[in-house]
Amino acid sequence: MTILYICIISLNIDDILRGEIDDATFWMVAVQTIVVIEFGYFSVGSLLYYWRVRKTIQ
């Protein structure tokens, strides 16, 4: 899912750089970027928690 979002964002950033974009699409890219960053933050946090708990159990 994250890879799909990153591909969509990269395609839209290409349009932004060429100047072929409207305001709605710009805000969509901004929101998608925030969602990808937030999802990555929560994923890393979950993995770190899992590793801590795993080390505690062993």
PDB file of N, CA and C in Angstrom:
ATOM      1  N   MET A   1       0.829  -1.184   0.000  1.00  0.00           N
ATOM      2  CA  MET A   1       0.000   0.000   0.000  1.00  0.00           C
ATOM      3  C   MET A   1       0.878   1.255   0.000  1.00  0.00           C
ATOM      4  N   THR A   2       1.908   1.217   0.828  1.00  0.00           N
ATOM      5  CA  THR A   2       2.805   2.365   0.909  1.00  0.00           C
ATOM      6  C   THR A   2       3.535   2.577  -0.403  1.00  0.00           C
ATOM      7  N   ILE A   3       3.947   1.501  -1.037  1.00  0.00           N
ATOM      8  CA  ILE A   3       4.646   1.604  -2.323  1.00  0.00           C
ATOM      9  C   ILE A   3       3.725   2.214  -3.372  1.00  0.00           C
ATOM     10  N   LEU A   4       2.453   1.828  -3.350  1.00  0.00           N
ATOM     11  CA  LEU A   4       1.486   2.392  -4.289  1.00  0.00           C
ATOM     12  C   LEU A   4       1.326   3.895  -4.056  1.00  0.00           C
ATOM     13  N   TYR A   5       1.211   4.301  -2.803  1.00  0.00           N
ATOM     14  CA  TYR A   5       1.110   5.732  -2.492  1.00  0.00           C
ATOM     15  C   TYR A   5       2.344   6.496  -2.954  1.00  0.00           C
ATOM     16  N   ILE A   6       3.516   5.919  -2.733  1.00  0.00           N
ATOM     17  CA  ILE A   6       4.748   6.590  -3.143  1.00  0.00           C
ATOM     18  C   ILE A   6       4.806   6.737  -4.659  1.00  0.00           C
ATOM     19  N   CYS A   7       4.361   5.729  -5.398  1.00  0.00           N
ATOM     20  CA  CYS A   7       4.321   5.834  -6.867  1.00  0.00           C
ATOM     21  C   CYS A   7       3.364   6.926  -7.325  1.00  0.00           C
ATOM     22  N   ILE A   8       2.197   6.986  -6.716  1.00  0.00           N
ATOM     23  CA  ILE A   8       1.216   8.018  -7.074  1.00  0.00           C
ATOM     24  C   ILE A   8       1.763   9.404  -6.763  1.00  0.00           C
ATOM     25  N   ILE A   9       2.400   9.538  -5.603  1.00  0.00           N
ATOM     26  CA  ILE A   9       2.967  10.832  -5.222  1.00  0.00           C
ATOM     27  C   ILE A   9       4.046  11.247  -6.204  1.00  0.00           C
ATOM     28  N   SER A  10       4.914  10.304  -6.595  1.00  0.00           N
ATOM     29  CA  SER A  10       5.991  10.651  -7.529  1.00  0.00           C
ATOM     30  C   SER A  10       5.444  11.064  -8.889  1.00  0.00           C
ATOM     31  N   LEU A  11       4.384  10.425  -9.351  1.00  0.00           N
ATOM     32  CA  LEU A  11       3.772  10.833 -10.614  1.00  0.00           C
ATOM     33  C   LEU A  11       3.173  12.234 -10.510  1.00  0.00           C
ATOM     34  N   ASN A  12       2.518  12.504  -9.404  1.00  0.00           N
ATOM     35  CA  ASN A  12       1.916  13.821  -9.219  1.00  0.00           C
ATOM     36  C   ASN A  12       2.973  14.905  -9.020  1.00  0.00           C
ATOM     37  N   ILE A  13       4.085  14.584  -8.376  1.00  0.00           N
ATOM     38  CA  ILE A  13       5.162  15.564  -8.215  1.00  0.00           C
ATOM     39  C   ILE A  13       5.751  15.920  -9.573  1.00  0.00           C
ATOM     40  N   ASP A  14       5.825  14.940 -10.468  1.00  0.00           N
ATOM     41  CA  ASP A  14       6.291  15.216 -11.827  1.00  0.00           C
ATOM     42  C   ASP A  14       5.372  16.223 -12.514  1.00  0.00           C
ATOM     43  N   ASP A  15       4.065  16.063 -12.333  1.00  0.00           N
ATOM     44  CA  ASP A  15       3.111  17.031 -12.898  1.00  0.00           C
ATOM     45  C   ASP A  15       3.253  18.406 -12.252  1.00  0.00           C
ATOM     46  N   ILE A  16       3.517  18.434 -10.949  1.00  0.00           N
ATOM     47  CA  ILE A  16       3.699  19.716 -10.261  1.00  0.00           C
ATOM     48  C   ILE A  16       4.899  20.450 -10.832  1.00  0.00           C
ATOM     49  N   LEU A  17       5.981  19.731 -11.046  1.00  0.00           N
ATOM     50  CA  LEU A  17       7.196  20.358 -11.568  1.00  0.00           C
ATOM     51  C   LEU A  17       7.012  20.868 -12.996  1.00  0.00           C
ATOM     52  N   ARG A  18       6.153  20.200 -13.766  1.00  0.00           N
ATOM     53  CA  ARG A  18       5.875  20.663 -15.128  1.00  0.00           C
ATOM     54  C   ARG A  18       4.819  21.764 -15.162  1.00  0.00           C
ATOM     55  N   GLY A  19       4.154  22.016 -14.046  1.00  0.00           N
ATOM     56  CA  GLY A  19       3.149  23.068 -13.966  1.00  0.00           C
ATOM     57  C   GLY A  19       1.796  22.660 -14.491  1.00  0.00           C
ATOM     58  N   GLU A  20       1.551  21.361 -14.601  1.00  0.00           N
ATOM     59  CA  GLU A  20       0.278  20.864 -15.140  1.00  0.00           C
ATOM     60  C   GLU A  20      -0.628  20.342 -14.027  1.00  0.00           C
ATOM     61  N   ILE A  21      -0.826  21.139 -13.009  1.00  0.00           N
ATOM     62  CA  ILE A  21      -1.592  20.658 -11.866  1.00  0.00           C
ATOM     63  C   ILE A  21      -2.479  21.778 -11.320  1.00  0.00           C
ATOM     64  N   ASP A  22      -3.624  21.402 -10.773  1.00  0.00           N
ATOM     65  CA  ASP A  22      -4.493  22.393 -10.162  1.00  0.00           C
ATOM     66  C   ASP A  22      -4.382  22.315  -8.640  1.00  0.00           C
ATOM     67  N   ASP A  23      -5.082  23.190  -7.947  1.00  0.00           N
ATOM     68  CA  ASP A  23      -4.971  23.269  -6.488  1.00  0.00           C
ATOM     69  C   ASP A  23      -5.457  22.002  -5.788  1.00  0.00           C
ATOM     70  N   ALA A  24      -6.536  21.419  -6.289  1.00  0.00           N
ATOM     71  CA  ALA A  24      -7.078  20.215  -5.644  1.00  0.00           C
ATOM     72  C   ALA A  24      -6.074  19.066  -5.687  1.00  0.00           C
ATOM     73  N   THR A  25      -5.416  18.887  -6.815  1.00  0.00           N
ATOM     74  CA  THR A  25      -4.429  17.823  -6.938  1.00  0.00           C
ATOM     75  C   THR A  25      -3.223  18.098  -6.047  1.00  0.00           C
ATOM     76  N   PHE A  26      -2.827  19.365  -5.950  1.00  0.00           N
ATOM     77  CA  PHE A  26      -1.711  19.711  -5.072  1.00  0.00           C
ATOM     78  C   PHE A  26      -2.014  19.323  -3.629  1.00  0.00           C
ATOM     79  N   TRP A  27      -3.216  19.639  -3.163  1.00  0.00           N
ATOM     80  CA  TRP A  27      -3.571  19.310  -1.785  1.00  0.00           C
ATOM     81  C   TRP A  27      -3.711  17.810  -1.594  1.00  0.00           C
ATOM     82  N   MET A  28      -4.156  17.110  -2.633  1.00  0.00           N
ATOM     83  CA  MET A  28      -4.238  15.653  -2.559  1.00  0.00           C
ATOM     84  C   MET A  28      -2.841  15.056  -2.367  1.00  0.00           C
ATOM     85  N   VAL A  29      -1.859  15.581  -3.102  1.00  0.00           N
ATOM     86  CA  VAL A  29      -0.481  15.111  -2.966  1.00  0.00           C
ATOM     87  C   VAL A  29       0.039  15.424  -1.563  1.00  0.00           C
ATOM     88  N   ALA A  30      -0.275  16.587  -1.049  1.00  0.00           N
ATOM     89  CA  ALA A  30       0.171  16.963   0.294  1.00  0.00           C
ATOM     90  C   ALA A  30      -0.410  16.015   1.341  1.00  0.00           C
ATOM     91  N   VAL A  31      -1.688  15.704   1.236  1.00  0.00           N
ATOM     92  CA  VAL A  31      -2.330  14.806   2.197  1.00  0.00           C
ATOM     93  C   VAL A  31      -1.758  13.392   2.060  1.00  0.00           C
ATOM     94  N   GLN A  32      -1.558  12.929   0.842  1.00  0.00           N
ATOM     95  CA  GLN A  32      -0.981  11.602   0.641  1.00  0.00           C
ATOM     96  C   GLN A  32       0.423  11.515   1.229  1.00  0.00           C
ATOM     97  N   THR A  33       1.202  12.563   1.083  1.00  0.00           N
ATOM     98  CA  THR A  33       2.549  12.574   1.646  1.00  0.00           C
ATOM     99  C   THR A  33       2.493  12.481   3.165  1.00  0.00           C
ATOM    100  N   ILE A  34       1.588  13.218   3.774  1.00  0.00           N
ATOM    101  CA  ILE A  34       1.434  13.162   5.227  1.00  0.00           C
ATOM    102  C   ILE A  34       1.006  11.761   5.662  1.00  0.00           C
ATOM    103  N   VAL A  35       0.105  11.142   4.920  1.00  0.00           N
ATOM    104  CA  VAL A  35      -0.368   9.795   5.263  1.00  0.00           C
ATOM    105  C   VAL A  35       0.777   8.787   5.174  1.00  0.00           C
ATOM    106  N   VAL A  36       1.602   8.875   4.147  1.00  0.00           N
ATOM    107  CA  VAL A  36       2.723   7.946   3.995  1.00  0.00           C
ATOM    108  C   VAL A  36       3.715   8.132   5.140  1.00  0.00           C
ATOM    109  N   ILE A  37       4.021   9.362   5.490  1.00  0.00           N
ATOM    110  CA  ILE A  37       4.955   9.623   6.593  1.00  0.00           C
ATOM    111  C   ILE A  37       4.387   9.106   7.917  1.00  0.00           C
ATOM    112  N   GLU A  38       3.102   9.352   8.148  1.00  0.00           N
ATOM    113  CA  GLU A  38       2.474   8.891   9.383  1.00  0.00           C
ATOM    114  C   GLU A  38       2.435   7.365   9.446  1.00  0.00           C
ATOM    115  N   PHE A  39       2.093   6.713   8.349  1.00  0.00           N
ATOM    116  CA  PHE A  39       2.062   5.256   8.314  1.00  0.00           C
ATOM    117  C   PHE A  39       3.455   4.685   8.557  1.00  0.00           C
ATOM    118  N   GLY A  40       4.460   5.298   7.969  1.00  0.00           N
ATOM    119  CA  GLY A  40       5.829   4.848   8.193  1.00  0.00           C
ATOM    120  C   GLY A  40       6.246   5.010   9.643  1.00  0.00           C
ATOM    121  N   TYR A  41       5.878   6.128  10.251  1.00  0.00           N
ATOM    122  CA  TYR A  41       6.190   6.379  11.656  1.00  0.00           C
ATOM    123  C   TYR A  41       5.557   5.308  12.547  1.00  0.00           C
ATOM    124  N   PHE A  42       4.278   5.003  12.332  1.00  0.00           N
ATOM    125  CA  PHE A  42       3.608   3.994  13.138  1.00  0.00           C
ATOM    126  C   PHE A  42       4.159   2.595  12.880  1.00  0.00           C
ATOM    127  N   SER A  43       4.532   2.305  11.655  1.00  0.00           N
ATOM    128  CA  SER A  43       5.104   0.993  11.334  1.00  0.00           C
ATOM    129  C   SER A  43       6.440   0.798  12.033  1.00  0.00           C
ATOM    130  N   VAL A  44       7.298   1.792  11.971  1.00  0.00           N
ATOM    131  CA  VAL A  44       8.596   1.698  12.641  1.00  0.00           C
ATOM    132  C   VAL A  44       8.412   1.594  14.147  1.00  0.00           C
ATOM    133  N   GLY A  45       7.519   2.363  14.699  1.00  0.00           N
ATOM    134  CA  GLY A  45       7.233   2.289  16.139  1.00  0.00           C
ATOM    135  C   GLY A  45       6.744   0.911  16.551  1.00  0.00           C
ATOM    136  N   SER A  46       5.888   0.312  15.747  1.00  0.00           N
ATOM    137  CA  SER A  46       5.378  -1.027  16.046  1.00  0.00           C
ATOM    138  C   SER A  46       6.487  -2.068  15.976  1.00  0.00           C
ATOM    139  N   LEU A  47       7.335  -1.962  14.965  1.00  0.00           N
ATOM    140  CA  LEU A  47       8.446  -2.913  14.849  1.00  0.00           C
ATOM    141  C   LEU A  47       9.414  -2.786  16.016  1.00  0.00           C
ATOM    142  N   LEU A  48       9.737  -1.571  16.412  1.00  0.00           N
ATOM    143  CA  LEU A  48      10.636  -1.376  17.542  1.00  0.00           C
ATOM    144  C   LEU A  48      10.036  -1.924  18.832  1.00  0.00           C
ATOM    145  N   TYR A  49       8.738  -1.722  19.018  1.00  0.00           N
ATOM    146  CA  TYR A  49       8.060  -2.269  20.191  1.00  0.00           C
ATOM    147  C   TYR A  49       8.097  -3.790  20.157  1.00  0.00           C
ATOM    148  N   TYR A  50       7.834  -4.399  19.030  1.00  0.00           N
ATOM    149  CA  TYR A  50       7.875  -5.853  18.882  1.00  0.00           C
ATOM    150  C   TYR A  50       9.249  -6.398  19.252  1.00  0.00           C
ATOM    151  N   TRP A  51      10.300  -5.753  18.757  1.00  0.00           N
ATOM    152  CA  TRP A  51      11.655  -6.215  19.059  1.00  0.00           C
ATOM    153  C   TRP A  51      11.981  -6.078  20.543  1.00  0.00           C
ATOM    154  N   ARG A  52      11.532  -4.993  21.183  1.00  0.00           N
ATOM    155  CA  ARG A  52      11.759  -4.818  22.617  1.00  0.00           C
ATOM    156  C   ARG A  52      11.069  -5.917  23.416  1.00  0.00           C
ATOM    157  N   VAL A  53       9.826  -6.197  23.078  1.00  0.00           N
ATOM    158  CA  VAL A  53       9.061  -7.224  23.788  1.00  0.00           C
ATOM    159  C   VAL A  53       9.677  -8.594  23.544  1.00  0.00           C
ATOM    160  N   ARG A  54      10.103  -8.844  22.340  1.00  0.00           N
ATOM    161  CA  ARG A  54      10.717 -10.123  21.992  1.00  0.00           C
ATOM    162  C   ARG A  54      12.002 -10.339  22.796  1.00  0.00           C
ATOM    163  N   LYS A  55      12.823  -9.301  22.939  1.00  0.00           N
ATOM    164  CA  LYS A  55      14.042  -9.420  23.732  1.00  0.00           C
ATOM    165  C   LYS A  55      13.729  -9.626  25.205  1.00  0.00           C
ATOM    166  N   THR A  56      12.670  -8.993  25.706  1.00  0.00           N
ATOM    167  CA  THR A  56      12.278  -9.153  27.107  1.00  0.00           C
ATOM    168  C   THR A  56      11.830 -10.577  27.399  1.00  0.00           C
ATOM    169  N   ILE A  57      11.101 -11.174  26.480  1.00  0.00           N
ATOM    170  CA  ILE A  57      10.584 -12.526  26.673  1.00  0.00           C
ATOM    171  C   ILE A  57      11.707 -13.552  26.654  1.00  0.00           C
ATOM    172  N   GLN A  58      12.684 -13.354  25.805  1.00  0.00           N
ATOM    173  CA  GLN A  58      13.779 -14.315  25.674  1.00  0.00           C
ATOM    174  C   GLN A  58      14.724 -14.141  26.764  1.00  0.00           C
TER     175      GLN A  58
END
